[in-house]
Protein backbone atom coordinates (compact mmCIF):
# COMPACT_ATOMS: atom_id res chain seq x y z
CA UNK A 1 -20.05 -19.07 -17.74
CA UNK A 2 -17.60 -21.10 -16.66
CA UNK A 3 -14.45 -18.71 -17.50
CA UNK A 4 -16.55 -16.19 -14.98
CA UNK A 5 -16.52 -18.29 -12.42
CA UNK A 6 -12.99 -18.84 -12.51
CA UNK A 7 -12.13 -15.19 -13.05
CA UNK A 8 -13.95 -14.44 -9.87
CA UNK A 9 -12.21 -17.23 -7.73
CA UNK A 10 -8.90 -15.92 -9.02
CA UNK A 11 -9.83 -12.65 -7.35
CA UNK A 12 -10.76 -14.00 -4.51
CA UNK A 13 -7.66 -15.54 -3.98
CA UNK A 14 -5.94 -12.15 -4.42
CA UNK A 15 -8.51 -10.07 -2.98
CA UNK A 16 -6.04 -9.64 0.27
CA UNK A 17 -3.31 -8.22 -1.59
CA UNK A 18 -5.56 -5.49 -3.29
CA UNK A 19 -7.89 -4.57 -0.30
CA UNK A 20 -4.45 -4.17 1.66
CA UNK A 21 -3.03 -1.71 -0.79
CA UNK A 22 -5.99 0.26 -1.10
CA UNK A 23 -6.27 0.34 2.60
CA UNK A 24 -2.79 1.60 2.58
CA UNK A 25 -3.00 3.99 0.64
CA UNK A 26 -6.06 5.55 2.13
CA UNK A 27 -4.10 5.60 6.17
CA UNK A 28 -1.00 6.72 4.31
CA UNK A 29 -0.85 10.02 5.52
CA UNK A 30 -1.48 9.12 9.23
CA UNK A 31 1.01 6.11 9.04
CA UNK A 32 3.58 8.57 7.63
CA UNK A 33 2.54 11.24 10.44
CA UNK A 34 3.05 8.98 12.97
CA UNK A 35 5.97 7.10 11.84
CA UNK A 36 7.36 10.61 11.81
CA UNK A 37 6.09 11.27 14.92
CA UNK A 38 7.75 8.23 16.52
CA UNK A 39 11.43 8.42 14.52
CA UNK A 40 11.77 12.27 15.20
CA UNK A 41 10.11 12.74 18.86
CA UNK A 42 11.02 16.05 20.37
CA UNK A 43 13.74 16.94 17.59
CA UNK A 44 13.50 20.87 16.03
CA UNK A 45 12.74 20.37 12.39
CA UNK A 46 11.51 23.37 11.48
CA UNK A 47 12.64 23.77 7.62
CA UNK A 48 12.67 20.13 6.58
CA UNK A 49 8.98 18.92 8.40
CA UNK A 50 7.31 18.73 5.19
CA UNK A 51 9.96 17.50 3.06
CA UNK A 52 10.38 14.89 5.69
CA UNK A 53 6.86 13.83 6.00
CA UNK A 54 6.09 13.86 2.35
CA UNK A 55 8.88 11.11 2.31
CA UNK A 56 7.20 8.89 4.61
CA UNK A 57 4.13 9.29 3.22
CA UNK A 58 5.28 8.25 -0.15
CA UNK A 59 7.14 5.01 1.33
CA UNK A 60 3.82 4.08 2.43
CA UNK A 61 1.80 4.61 -1.02
CA UNK A 62 4.88 2.61 -2.88
CA UNK A 63 4.42 -0.07 -0.56
CA UNK A 64 0.72 -0.22 -1.44
CA UNK A 65 1.38 -0.45 -4.85
CA UNK A 66 3.66 -2.79 -4.88
CA UNK A 67 1.51 -5.30 -2.62
CA UNK A 68 -1.66 -4.15 -5.37
CA UNK A 69 1.43 -5.55 -8.28
CA UNK A 70 2.12 -8.68 -6.34
CA UNK A 71 -1.59 -9.59 -6.12
CA UNK A 72 -1.89 -8.45 -10.06
CA UNK A 73 1.37 -10.80 -10.99
CA UNK A 74 0.04 -13.73 -8.83
CA UNK A 75 -3.16 -13.12 -9.98
CA UNK A 76 -1.88 -13.65 -13.70
CA UNK A 77 0.78 -16.45 -13.20
CA UNK A 78 -2.16 -18.18 -11.45
CA UNK A 79 -4.56 -18.04 -14.15
CA UNK A 80 -1.90 -19.39 -16.80
């Protein structure tokens, strides 16, 4: 019972990393599209639009994966 309580306390401390990573993955497409629109405002990019937009979406997904990994590493280091 005590080990379950300690595990739940560790999860609560790192919850912000896990939740923010899932929210960032969920909103990666709208964030990528809005970032793309801000950076390339009124530029004609017909041939490379899909490639550049996919790159911005992948950047947000990569940041979310890094946040999740950071939360996991912090949880494992605090556990020891």
